[in-house]
Protein backbone atom coordinates (compact mmCIF):
# COMPACT_ATOMS: atom_id res chain seq x y z
CA MET A 1 -29.72 -8.24 35.49
CA LYS A 2 -32.09 -6.13 33.37
CA LEU A 3 -29.12 -4.33 32.00
CA TYR A 4 -27.47 -7.66 31.12
CA LYS A 5 -30.69 -8.77 29.49
CA SER A 6 -30.70 -5.74 27.23
CA PHE A 7 -26.93 -6.26 26.44
CA ALA A 8 -27.80 -9.86 25.50
CA THR A 9 -30.69 -8.87 23.30
CA VAL A 10 -28.73 -6.39 21.32
CA GLY A 11 -25.57 -8.47 21.38
CA GLY A 12 -27.36 -11.62 20.26
CA LEU A 13 -29.01 -9.97 17.35
CA THR A 14 -25.75 -8.25 16.38
CA LEU A 15 -24.02 -11.64 16.53
CA LEU A 16 -26.63 -12.98 14.18
CA SER A 17 -26.13 -9.95 11.96
CA ARG A 18 -22.37 -10.46 12.03
CA VAL A 19 -22.75 -14.09 11.07
CA PHE A 20 -24.76 -12.92 8.00
CA GLY A 21 -22.15 -10.22 7.48
CA PHE A 22 -19.36 -12.78 7.40
CA MET A 23 -21.29 -14.88 4.92
CA ARG A 24 -21.71 -11.70 2.85
CA ASP A 25 -17.99 -10.93 2.97
CA ILE A 26 -17.05 -14.50 2.20
CA LEU A 27 -19.08 -14.16 -1.02
CA ILE A 28 -17.68 -10.68 -1.78
CA ALA A 29 -14.07 -11.91 -1.19
CA ALA A 30 -14.69 -14.88 -3.47
CA THR A 31 -16.15 -12.76 -6.26
CA LEU A 32 -14.17 -9.50 -5.94
CA GLY A 33 -10.98 -10.57 -4.15
CA SER A 34 -8.72 -7.66 -3.35
CA GLY A 35 -8.34 -6.23 -6.88
CA TRP A 36 -9.33 -2.86 -8.34
CA VAL A 37 -13.02 -3.56 -8.48
CA ALA A 38 -12.98 -4.62 -4.76
CA ASP A 39 -11.08 -1.37 -3.84
CA ALA A 40 -13.71 0.64 -5.80
CA PHE A 41 -16.63 -1.02 -4.08
CA VAL A 42 -15.14 -0.70 -0.57
CA VAL A 43 -14.76 3.02 -1.02
CA ALA A 44 -18.32 3.36 -2.45
CA PHE A 45 -19.71 1.47 0.55
CA ARG A 46 -17.66 3.33 3.13
CA PHE A 47 -18.42 6.84 1.84
CA PRO A 48 -22.12 6.92 2.69
CA ASN A 49 -21.51 4.87 5.82
CA LEU A 50 -19.03 7.53 7.03
CA PHE A 51 -21.67 10.16 6.70
CA ARG A 52 -24.34 7.83 8.25
CA ARG A 53 -22.15 7.37 11.32
CA LEU A 54 -21.43 11.12 11.52
CA PHE A 55 -24.93 12.59 10.81
CA GLY A 56 -26.99 9.65 12.10
CA GLU A 57 -25.46 7.46 14.74
CA GLY A 58 -22.67 9.68 15.83
CA ALA A 59 -24.80 12.81 16.37
CA PHE A 60 -27.96 11.23 17.57
CA ASN A 61 -26.58 8.63 19.90
CA SER A 62 -24.77 11.49 21.66
CA ALA A 63 -27.37 14.30 21.50
CA PHE A 64 -30.77 12.98 20.45
CA VAL A 65 -31.12 10.06 22.89
CA PRO A 66 -30.48 12.04 26.10
CA ILE A 67 -32.99 14.79 25.13
CA PHE A 68 -35.53 12.30 23.92
CA ALA A 69 -35.16 10.10 27.02
CA LYS A 70 -35.50 12.97 29.35
CA LYS A 71 -38.55 14.29 27.53
CA LEU A 72 -40.11 10.84 27.71
CA GLU A 73 -39.43 10.59 31.45
CA GLY A 74 -40.49 14.23 32.28
CA ASP A 75 -42.99 15.33 29.70
CA GLY A 76 -44.55 12.16 28.46
CA PRO A 77 -44.60 10.16 25.14
CA GLU A 78 -46.49 12.71 23.08
CA ALA A 79 -43.96 15.47 23.79
CA ALA A 80 -41.09 13.06 23.02
CA ARG A 81 -42.82 12.02 19.72
CA LYS A 82 -43.22 15.57 18.60
CA PHE A 83 -39.53 16.32 19.29
CA ALA A 84 -38.61 13.20 17.29
CA GLU A 85 -40.67 14.55 14.37
CA ASP A 86 -38.96 17.98 14.50
CA ALA A 87 -35.52 16.32 14.69
CA MET A 88 -36.22 13.97 11.80
CA SER A 89 -37.52 16.74 9.61
CA GLY A 90 -34.48 18.92 10.24
CA LEU A 91 -32.14 15.98 9.69
CA LEU A 92 -33.78 14.96 6.44
CA PHE A 93 -33.57 18.56 5.08
CA VAL A 94 -29.86 18.83 5.86
CA LEU A 95 -29.05 15.32 4.43
CA LEU A 96 -31.05 15.97 1.18
CA ILE A 97 -28.71 18.84 0.51
CA VAL A 98 -25.63 16.69 1.41
CA VAL A 99 -26.74 13.89 -0.94
CA ILE A 100 -27.53 16.20 -3.90
CA VAL A 101 -24.23 18.11 -3.55
CA SER A 102 -22.29 14.83 -3.19
CA GLU A 103 -23.89 13.33 -6.31
CA LEU A 104 -22.97 16.36 -8.38
CA ALA A 105 -19.51 16.77 -6.93
CA MET A 106 -18.60 13.09 -6.64
CA PRO A 107 -15.53 13.15 -8.94
CA PHE A 108 -14.02 15.93 -6.89
CA LEU A 109 -14.90 14.28 -3.58
CA MET A 110 -13.18 11.10 -4.81
CA TYR A 111 -9.89 12.95 -5.06
CA GLY A 112 -10.17 13.56 -1.32
CA LEU A 113 -11.42 10.12 -0.26
CA ALA A 114 -9.21 7.96 -2.42
CA PRO A 115 -6.49 10.22 -4.03
CA GLY A 116 -4.43 7.21 -5.02
CA PHE A 117 -7.07 5.90 -7.39
CA ASP A 118 -6.43 8.70 -9.99
CA VAL A 119 -3.39 6.80 -11.31
CA ALA A 120 -5.84 4.22 -12.68
CA PRO A 121 -8.69 6.08 -14.65
CA GLU A 122 -10.82 2.89 -14.93
CA LYS A 123 -10.64 2.37 -11.15
CA PHE A 124 -11.37 6.02 -10.43
CA GLU A 125 -14.36 6.16 -12.74
CA LEU A 126 -15.89 2.94 -11.33
CA SER A 127 -15.44 4.34 -7.74
CA VAL A 128 -17.36 7.46 -8.78
CA LEU A 129 -20.13 5.48 -10.34
CA LEU A 130 -20.56 3.05 -7.44
CA THR A 131 -20.46 5.81 -4.85
CA ARG A 132 -23.20 7.76 -6.66
CA ILE A 133 -25.33 4.59 -6.54
CA THR A 134 -24.79 3.99 -2.79
CA MET A 135 -25.02 7.60 -1.67
CA PRO A 136 -28.90 7.67 -1.13
CA TYR A 137 -28.32 4.89 1.48
CA LEU A 138 -27.21 7.74 3.77
CA LEU A 139 -30.70 9.19 3.73
CA CYS A 140 -32.44 6.00 4.76
CA MET A 141 -29.93 5.01 7.40
CA SER A 142 -29.79 8.37 9.15
CA ILE A 143 -33.56 8.22 9.66
CA VAL A 144 -33.15 4.67 10.75
CA ALA A 145 -30.56 5.79 13.39
CA LEU A 146 -33.02 8.41 14.74
CA MET A 147 -35.89 5.91 15.00
CA SER A 148 -33.44 3.45 16.62
CA GLY A 149 -32.57 5.97 19.28
CA ALA A 150 -36.28 6.55 19.98
CA LEU A 151 -36.99 2.81 20.27
CA ASN A 152 -33.95 2.23 22.43
CA SER A 153 -35.10 5.00 24.77
CA VAL A 154 -38.27 3.03 25.55
CA GLY A 155 -36.48 -0.24 25.98
CA ARG A 156 -37.07 -1.69 22.58
CA PHE A 157 -33.82 -2.93 21.06
CA ALA A 158 -34.76 -5.79 18.76
CA GLU A 159 -35.75 -3.76 15.69
CA SER A 160 -32.82 -1.44 15.72
CA ALA A 161 -30.40 -4.35 16.29
CA SER A 162 -31.96 -6.18 13.36
CA VAL A 163 -31.34 -3.61 10.61
CA SER A 164 -27.92 -4.88 9.76
CA ILE A 165 -29.37 -8.39 9.18
CA VAL A 166 -31.48 -6.89 6.43
CA LEU A 167 -28.48 -5.17 4.82
CA ASN A 168 -26.38 -8.31 4.88
CA GLY A 169 -29.24 -10.39 3.49
CA VAL A 170 -29.87 -8.07 0.60
CA MET A 171 -26.17 -7.79 -0.24
CA MET A 172 -25.88 -11.60 -0.15
CA ILE A 173 -28.68 -11.86 -2.63
CA ALA A 174 -26.95 -9.28 -4.86
CA THR A 175 -23.67 -11.19 -4.69
CA LEU A 176 -25.36 -14.54 -5.49
CA TYR A 177 -27.12 -12.90 -8.45
CA SER A 178 -23.71 -11.63 -9.70
CA MET A 179 -22.19 -15.05 -9.42
CA TRP A 180 -25.18 -16.58 -11.22
CA LEU A 181 -24.47 -14.12 -14.08
CA GLY A 182 -20.93 -15.29 -14.15
CA TYR A 183 -19.31 -12.04 -13.09
CA ASN A 184 -15.93 -12.54 -11.29
CA ALA A 185 -13.89 -9.47 -10.12
CA GLU A 186 -15.48 -7.52 -12.99
CA PRO A 187 -16.91 -4.00 -12.85
CA GLN A 188 -20.45 -5.36 -13.45
CA ALA A 189 -20.20 -7.32 -10.19
CA GLY A 190 -19.35 -4.09 -8.24
CA VAL A 191 -22.32 -2.38 -9.88
CA ILE A 192 -24.76 -5.07 -8.77
CA GLN A 193 -23.34 -4.95 -5.31
CA ALA A 194 -23.81 -1.21 -5.10
CA TRP A 195 -27.43 -1.45 -6.16
CA GLY A 196 -27.81 -3.99 -3.39
CA VAL A 197 -26.70 -1.46 -0.85
CA PHE A 198 -29.14 1.13 -2.36
CA ALA A 199 -32.11 -1.30 -2.04
CA ALA A 200 -31.10 -2.42 1.46
CA GLY A 201 -31.51 1.14 2.83
CA PHE A 202 -35.20 1.26 1.96
CA PHE A 203 -35.80 -2.21 3.37
CA GLN A 204 -34.11 -1.21 6.64
CA LEU A 205 -36.19 2.01 6.83
CA ALA A 206 -39.37 -0.06 6.32
CA LEU A 207 -38.39 -2.34 9.25
CA LEU A 208 -37.89 0.60 11.67
CA MET A 209 -41.13 2.33 10.51
CA TRP A 210 -42.89 -0.85 11.36
CA GLY A 211 -41.11 -0.97 14.72
CA MET A 212 -42.14 2.58 15.60
CA ARG A 213 -45.79 1.81 14.76
CA ARG A 214 -45.66 -1.30 17.03
CA ALA A 215 -44.29 0.92 19.82
CA GLY A 216 -47.12 3.43 19.29
CA MET A 217 -44.68 6.15 18.25
CA SER A 218 -45.29 6.70 14.51
CA ILE A 219 -43.72 9.90 13.41
CA GLY A 220 -44.34 11.84 10.20
CA ILE A 221 -42.39 14.42 8.17
CA ARG A 222 -43.31 18.01 8.71
CA ARG A 223 -41.87 21.35 7.66
CA PRO A 224 -38.49 21.79 9.39
CA ARG A 225 -38.84 23.99 12.43
CA LEU A 226 -35.96 25.49 14.52
CA THR A 227 -37.58 24.98 17.93
CA GLU A 228 -35.72 25.39 21.19
CA ASP A 229 -35.28 21.66 21.52
CA VAL A 230 -33.97 21.38 17.97
CA ARG A 231 -31.46 24.18 18.68
CA ARG A 232 -30.38 22.35 21.77
CA LEU A 233 -30.03 19.24 19.67
CA VAL A 234 -27.81 21.05 17.17
CA ARG A 235 -25.66 22.55 19.94
CA LEU A 236 -25.11 19.05 21.47
CA GLY A 237 -24.99 17.31 18.10
CA ILE A 238 -22.20 19.19 16.41
CA PRO A 239 -19.54 18.03 18.94
CA GLY A 240 -21.23 14.61 18.82
CA VAL A 241 -20.67 14.39 15.07
CA ILE A 242 -16.99 14.47 15.72
CA SER A 243 -16.70 12.45 18.97
CA GLY A 244 -19.33 9.90 18.05
CA GLY A 245 -17.88 9.27 14.65
CA VAL A 246 -14.14 9.27 15.49
CA THR A 247 -13.77 5.55 14.75
CA GLN A 248 -15.28 6.06 11.36
CA LEU A 249 -13.05 9.08 10.70
CA ASN A 250 -10.11 6.96 11.58
CA ILE A 251 -11.21 4.38 9.10
CA ALA A 252 -11.78 7.07 6.45
CA ILE A 253 -8.32 8.38 6.95
CA GLY A 254 -6.89 4.92 6.66
CA THR A 255 -8.78 4.45 3.47
CA ILE A 256 -7.33 7.69 2.01
CA ILE A 257 -3.77 6.67 2.84
CA ALA A 258 -4.20 3.06 1.81
CA SER A 259 -5.47 4.18 -1.62
CA LEU A 260 -1.84 4.91 -2.43
CA GLN A 261 -1.05 1.16 -2.28
CA PRO A 262 -2.83 -1.22 -4.69
CA GLY A 263 -5.03 -3.71 -2.84
CA ALA A 264 -4.46 -2.03 0.55
CA VAL A 265 -8.02 -0.67 0.73
CA SER A 266 -9.50 -4.17 0.39
CA HIS A 267 -7.09 -5.80 2.88
CA LEU A 268 -7.97 -3.09 5.54
CA TYR A 269 -11.67 -3.62 4.85
CA TYR A 270 -11.53 -7.44 5.29
CA ALA A 271 -9.46 -7.12 8.50
CA ASP A 272 -11.77 -4.37 9.80
CA ARG A 273 -14.81 -6.67 9.22
CA VAL A 274 -13.41 -9.32 11.46
CA TYR A 275 -12.29 -7.17 14.33
CA GLU A 276 -15.57 -5.24 14.27
CA LEU A 277 -17.42 -8.53 15.26
CA PRO A 278 -16.63 -8.24 19.01
CA LEU A 279 -16.67 -4.37 18.80
CA ALA A 280 -20.27 -4.55 17.46
CA ILE A 281 -21.54 -7.32 19.73
CA VAL A 282 -20.07 -5.92 22.95
CA GLY A 283 -19.11 -2.29 22.49
CA ILE A 284 -21.95 -1.05 20.40
CA ALA A 285 -24.48 -3.15 22.39
CA VAL A 286 -23.26 -1.68 25.63
CA GLY A 287 -23.22 1.86 24.20
CA ILE A 288 -26.82 1.54 22.84
CA VAL A 289 -28.17 0.21 26.10
CA LEU A 290 -26.10 2.24 28.54
CA LEU A 291 -26.88 5.75 27.20
CA PRO A 292 -30.68 5.75 27.73
CA ASP A 293 -30.23 3.92 31.03
CA VAL A 294 -27.86 6.44 32.46
CA ALA A 295 -29.87 9.32 31.10
CA ARG A 296 -33.01 8.03 32.87
CA GLN A 297 -31.21 7.42 36.14
CA LEU A 298 -29.64 10.88 36.12
CA ARG A 299 -33.11 12.37 35.57
CA ALA A 300 -34.40 10.39 38.54
CA GLY A 301 -31.38 11.46 40.63
CA ASN A 302 -30.23 7.90 41.16
CA THR A 303 -26.42 8.48 41.40
CA ALA A 304 -25.72 5.02 42.89
CA GLY A 305 -27.58 3.37 40.06
CA VAL A 306 -25.59 5.35 37.47
CA MET A 307 -22.33 4.24 39.05
CA ASP A 308 -23.40 0.59 39.28
CA SER A 309 -24.54 0.58 35.59
CA GLN A 310 -21.26 1.98 34.43
CA ASN A 311 -19.17 -0.52 36.48
CA ARG A 312 -21.20 -3.49 35.33
CA SER A 313 -21.05 -2.33 31.78
CA LEU A 314 -17.26 -1.98 31.79
CA GLU A 315 -16.96 -5.39 33.55
CA PHE A 316 -19.22 -7.07 31.04
CA ALA A 317 -17.41 -5.43 28.11
CA LEU A 318 -13.89 -6.41 29.18
CA LEU A 319 -15.03 -9.88 30.16
CA LEU A 320 -15.82 -10.52 26.45
CA THR A 321 -13.48 -8.15 24.71
CA ILE A 322 -10.08 -8.89 26.18
CA PRO A 323 -10.16 -12.64 25.25
CA ALA A 324 -11.64 -11.82 21.85
CA ALA A 325 -8.88 -9.27 21.15
CA LEU A 326 -6.08 -11.63 22.17
CA ALA A 327 -7.57 -14.46 20.14
CA LEU A 328 -7.69 -12.24 17.03
CA ALA A 329 -4.07 -11.19 17.66
CA VAL A 330 -2.60 -14.67 18.10
CA ILE A 331 -4.51 -16.80 15.50
CA PRO A 332 -5.39 -14.19 12.74
CA THR A 333 -4.08 -16.40 9.93
CA ASP A 334 -6.36 -19.28 10.79
CA ILE A 335 -9.34 -16.97 11.02
CA VAL A 336 -8.75 -15.13 7.72
CA ARG A 337 -7.86 -18.33 5.91
CA VAL A 338 -11.21 -19.97 6.84
CA LEU A 339 -13.34 -16.95 6.27
CA PHE A 340 -11.99 -15.47 3.03
CA GLU A 341 -9.34 -17.64 1.26
CA ARG A 342 -11.18 -18.91 -1.81
CA GLY A 343 -11.80 -17.79 -5.34
CA ALA A 344 -10.16 -14.47 -6.06
CA PHE A 345 -8.85 -14.22 -2.56
CA GLY A 346 -5.51 -16.05 -2.39
CA PRO A 347 -2.85 -17.04 0.22
CA LYS A 348 -0.96 -13.72 -0.22
CA ASP A 349 -4.18 -11.83 0.56
CA THR A 350 -4.61 -14.01 3.68
CA TYR A 351 -1.10 -13.21 4.91
CA VAL A 352 -1.55 -9.45 4.50
CA THR A 353 -5.09 -9.31 5.86
CA ALA A 354 -4.13 -11.49 8.91
CA SER A 355 -1.17 -9.23 9.70
CA VAL A 356 -3.38 -6.15 9.64
CA LEU A 357 -6.05 -7.92 11.78
CA ALA A 358 -3.49 -8.73 14.44
CA MET A 359 -2.59 -5.01 14.73
CA PHE A 360 -6.19 -3.85 14.71
CA ALA A 361 -7.00 -6.41 17.53
CA LEU A 362 -4.58 -4.71 19.92
CA GLY A 363 -6.82 -1.63 19.95
CA LEU A 364 -10.07 -3.47 20.30
CA PRO A 365 -10.41 -3.15 24.13
CA ALA A 366 -9.80 0.55 23.82
CA PHE A 367 -12.60 1.11 21.25
CA VAL A 368 -15.03 -0.92 23.49
CA MET A 369 -14.02 1.26 26.49
CA ILE A 370 -14.76 4.32 24.49
CA LYS A 371 -18.36 2.99 23.98
CA VAL A 372 -18.60 2.47 27.79
CA PHE A 373 -17.14 5.79 28.87
CA SER A 374 -18.84 8.10 26.28
CA PRO A 375 -22.38 7.67 27.60
CA ALA A 376 -21.31 9.07 30.94
CA TYR A 377 -20.64 12.43 29.12
CA TYR A 378 -23.53 12.29 26.68
CA ALA A 379 -26.11 11.48 29.36
CA ARG A 380 -25.00 14.66 31.17
CA GLU A 381 -25.35 16.54 27.87
CA ASP A 382 -21.55 17.12 27.76
CA THR A 383 -20.55 16.46 24.19
CA LYS A 384 -17.71 18.91 24.04
CA THR A 385 -15.29 16.99 26.21
CA PRO A 386 -15.49 13.80 24.10
CA MET A 387 -15.26 15.97 21.02
CA ARG A 388 -11.94 17.51 22.18
CA TYR A 389 -10.53 14.10 23.05
CA ALA A 390 -11.72 12.70 19.69
CA VAL A 391 -9.94 15.48 17.90
CA ILE A 392 -6.77 14.75 19.79
CA SER A 393 -7.03 11.03 19.02
CA LEU A 394 -7.87 11.70 15.41
CA THR A 395 -4.85 13.99 14.98
CA ALA A 396 -2.49 11.41 16.58
CA ASN A 397 -3.93 8.67 14.40
CA THR A 398 -3.55 10.72 11.18
CA ILE A 399 0.04 11.69 11.87
CA GLY A 400 0.87 8.18 12.94
CA SER A 401 -0.79 6.55 9.97
CA ILE A 402 1.03 8.76 7.43
CA ALA A 403 4.40 8.39 9.15
CA LEU A 404 4.24 4.62 9.66
CA PHE A 405 2.70 3.91 6.20
CA PHE A 406 5.62 5.58 4.38
CA LEU A 407 8.22 4.32 6.87
CA LEU A 408 7.17 0.67 6.58
CA ARG A 409 6.88 1.00 2.73
CA HIS A 410 10.42 2.44 2.66
CA LEU A 411 11.70 -0.47 4.74
CA GLY A 412 10.02 -2.92 2.34
CA MET A 413 7.41 -4.05 4.91
CA LEU A 414 3.69 -4.06 4.66
CA PRO A 415 2.65 -0.40 4.78
CA GLN A 416 -1.01 -1.32 5.75
CA LEU A 417 0.38 -2.36 9.17
CA GLY A 418 1.19 1.27 9.85
CA ILE A 419 -2.38 2.39 9.46
CA ALA A 420 -3.58 -0.47 11.77
CA ILE A 421 -0.94 0.30 14.45
CA ALA A 422 -1.78 4.02 14.45
CA THR A 423 -5.53 3.25 14.64
CA ALA A 424 -5.04 1.07 17.67
CA LEU A 425 -2.81 3.64 19.45
CA GLY A 426 -5.29 6.41 18.68
CA GLY A 427 -8.05 4.38 20.26
CA TRP A 428 -6.08 3.77 23.45
CA LEU A 429 -5.29 7.47 23.69
CA ASN A 430 -8.93 8.42 23.39
CA ALA A 431 -10.05 5.76 25.95
CA TYR A 432 -7.37 6.95 28.44
CA LEU A 433 -8.49 10.61 28.12
CA LEU A 434 -12.13 9.79 28.63
CA TRP A 435 -11.45 7.58 31.63
CA SER A 436 -9.03 10.00 33.30
CA THR A 437 -11.52 12.97 33.19
CA LEU A 438 -14.44 10.81 34.43
CA ASN A 439 -12.23 9.59 37.26
CA ARG A 440 -11.14 13.08 38.11
CA ARG A 441 -14.72 14.35 38.18
CA ARG A 442 -15.77 11.32 40.31
CA ASP A 443 -18.38 10.48 37.59
CA PHE A 444 -16.91 7.04 37.22
CA VAL A 445 -15.26 5.31 40.19
CA ALA A 446 -14.24 1.64 39.94
CA ASP A 447 -16.05 -0.38 42.62
CA ALA A 448 -14.69 -3.33 44.58
CA ARG A 449 -16.16 -5.98 42.33
CA LEU A 450 -14.52 -4.43 39.18
CA LYS A 451 -11.19 -4.10 40.93
CA ARG A 452 -11.27 -7.75 41.96
CA ASN A 453 -12.51 -9.16 38.66
CA LEU A 454 -10.37 -7.24 36.11
CA PRO A 455 -7.07 -8.87 37.12
CA LEU A 456 -8.78 -12.30 37.14
CA ILE A 457 -10.12 -11.59 33.55
CA LEU A 458 -6.59 -10.79 32.45
CA LEU A 459 -5.19 -13.93 33.99
CA ALA A 460 -7.80 -16.12 32.41
CA SER A 461 -7.20 -14.46 29.01
CA ALA A 462 -3.39 -15.13 29.29
CA VAL A 463 -3.95 -18.80 29.96
CA MET A 464 -6.44 -18.93 27.15
CA VAL A 465 -3.79 -17.53 24.77
CA ALA A 466 -1.43 -20.35 25.70
CA ALA A 467 -4.14 -22.88 25.06
CA LEU A 468 -4.93 -21.28 21.62
CA LEU A 469 -1.32 -21.22 20.53
CA GLY A 470 -0.81 -24.83 21.46
CA THR A 471 -3.97 -25.99 19.78
CA SER A 472 -3.20 -23.97 16.64
CA HIS A 473 0.32 -25.39 16.43
CA TRP A 474 -1.02 -28.97 16.88
CA LEU A 475 -3.74 -28.51 14.26
CA SER A 476 -1.80 -26.46 11.69
CA PRO A 477 -0.93 -29.51 9.48
CA TYR A 478 -4.55 -29.97 8.76
CA TYR A 479 -4.93 -26.52 7.24
CA GLU A 480 -3.87 -27.71 3.82
CA HIS A 481 -4.88 -25.60 0.84
CA GLY A 482 -6.81 -28.52 -0.61
CA SER A 483 -8.94 -28.99 2.42
CA GLY A 484 -12.57 -27.92 2.00
CA PHE A 485 -14.30 -25.15 3.77
CA PHE A 486 -16.10 -27.37 6.26
CA VAL A 487 -12.91 -29.13 7.19
CA LYS A 488 -11.11 -25.81 7.81
CA ALA A 489 -14.06 -24.37 9.65
CA SER A 490 -14.23 -27.51 11.91
CA ILE A 491 -10.58 -27.07 12.77
CA LEU A 492 -10.96 -23.45 13.62
CA ALA A 493 -14.13 -24.17 15.64
CA CYS A 494 -12.07 -26.69 17.61
CA GLU A 495 -9.36 -24.07 18.30
CA ILE A 496 -11.89 -21.53 19.42
CA GLY A 497 -13.73 -24.15 21.49
CA VAL A 498 -10.57 -25.07 23.38
CA GLY A 499 -9.84 -21.35 24.12
CA LEU A 500 -13.31 -20.63 25.18
CA GLY A 501 -13.47 -23.66 27.35
CA VAL A 502 -10.30 -22.80 29.15
CA PHE A 503 -11.33 -19.16 29.62
CA ALA A 504 -14.82 -20.05 30.87
CA ALA A 505 -13.40 -22.62 33.28
CA LEU A 506 -10.98 -20.10 34.81
CA ILE A 507 -13.78 -17.41 34.96
CA LEU A 508 -16.07 -19.78 36.83
CA ALA A 509 -13.21 -21.15 39.02
CA THR A 510 -12.13 -17.67 40.15
CA GLY A 511 -15.73 -16.50 40.84
CA VAL A 512 -15.82 -13.71 38.24
CA MET A 513 -19.10 -15.22 37.14
CA SER A 514 -21.15 -18.00 38.59
CA ILE A 515 -22.66 -20.89 36.75
CA GLY A 516 -26.14 -19.47 37.45
CA GLN A 517 -25.22 -16.06 36.01
CA LEU A 518 -23.64 -17.74 32.96
CA GLY A 519 -26.73 -19.83 32.36
CA ARG A 520 -29.11 -16.90 32.64
CA LEU A 521 -26.97 -14.83 30.28
CA THR A 522 -26.71 -17.64 27.81
CA ARG A 523 -30.55 -18.17 27.85
CA ARG A 524 -31.14 -14.47 27.25
């Protein structure tokens, strides 16, 4: 249950962060809508985030954490701290170069990130300006990712799981300030929002520095040194940049293609924000906790413990993800209407965003399984196999996105759906490849409990879908455009409550989880 407790800690704080994130996106949707200013800001926000996931979380979750955890286990805290200092100094040196080059070459980079924007010079120029403002966020957050990995390795998850709360809080303040000044879907609103992202990076860094001091692991900046451990980190990290960041690369490719359709970038962003809620709470929480846990158990030679951790992680992930994915797929309009439909975000935006969300949701279990299967490779310092599979998935997603985008646009349908469908299929391909290799190597073998519970989870989810559809149909007349936010939110809460109640009752009745286990998990 210690593993579940850690899942609950990270998942609970991530849930709180996502609640703040939804509040932030509600404000952004109301002030920016899905127009050209919103498209420009989304690109400006995603560009540094892409590099952050690649250089920070992608590389260090796959390479830094196993090396740090094994040093901590075998050589002691001081050796681990010195390795963290060397790694941070090298990372900071590389990223300073990346940020400086990006700032200078931003107009040229924008042609690669959002080529469709060049047909509207005002939109293109605003995107360049906003991205230049947000780019230093990469520096702060990559160091935050390294410190998070160090804290996670010693069993401290609260600080690293709280950084997004800081980001969302600062961005909400920026949006409210913009509203107070009277800006609505205007370039000035995008500029204020971009400066909010800039400031949030430094606040997040301060939080993690405080957490490191509390853990007795304060690290300083020193002259970059290419030690043997740093060389090993680079060898493992380069494949990790690709495999760990494949989801973000998929999103970046989707943004590039979507820039050819006005408003499509914003619709994809809003749909992505909703479906990332369960992905963050479950998938990322499991991945953060599982990697250092498996690395430590492998170091100790506890093969049975490794296998049990992996089975329980997959069981826990699917228990929460399958019903969440199906709910997002069957009542997406109700969800998007309540969250975003106000101000500059109208009913047409709701229809398009909900359609994209339903397609994204079909790939949600696959992306969560990737988070469960990947640590089994990274903990064994095998980053090349996930990299190969990520490249295959990325290639399939790119080809599928381009083909479906233009096909659906030619047929007069929503071209954004093509990107969402290709993203979901690419995720399933990646998850299958990871699982099949682990199974062949006998590094992951489903135990009796998982084999028994998975069909029961699927059954409970199917019954939940029927309850959701019936409740949604019954309550649909109450979703009138004139209804206030709290009325609509109450109706949606009722729908979700019925679905959760039916699912929980079946889970308990079939013995997938006992009342005692549910109570302990809820308290944690």
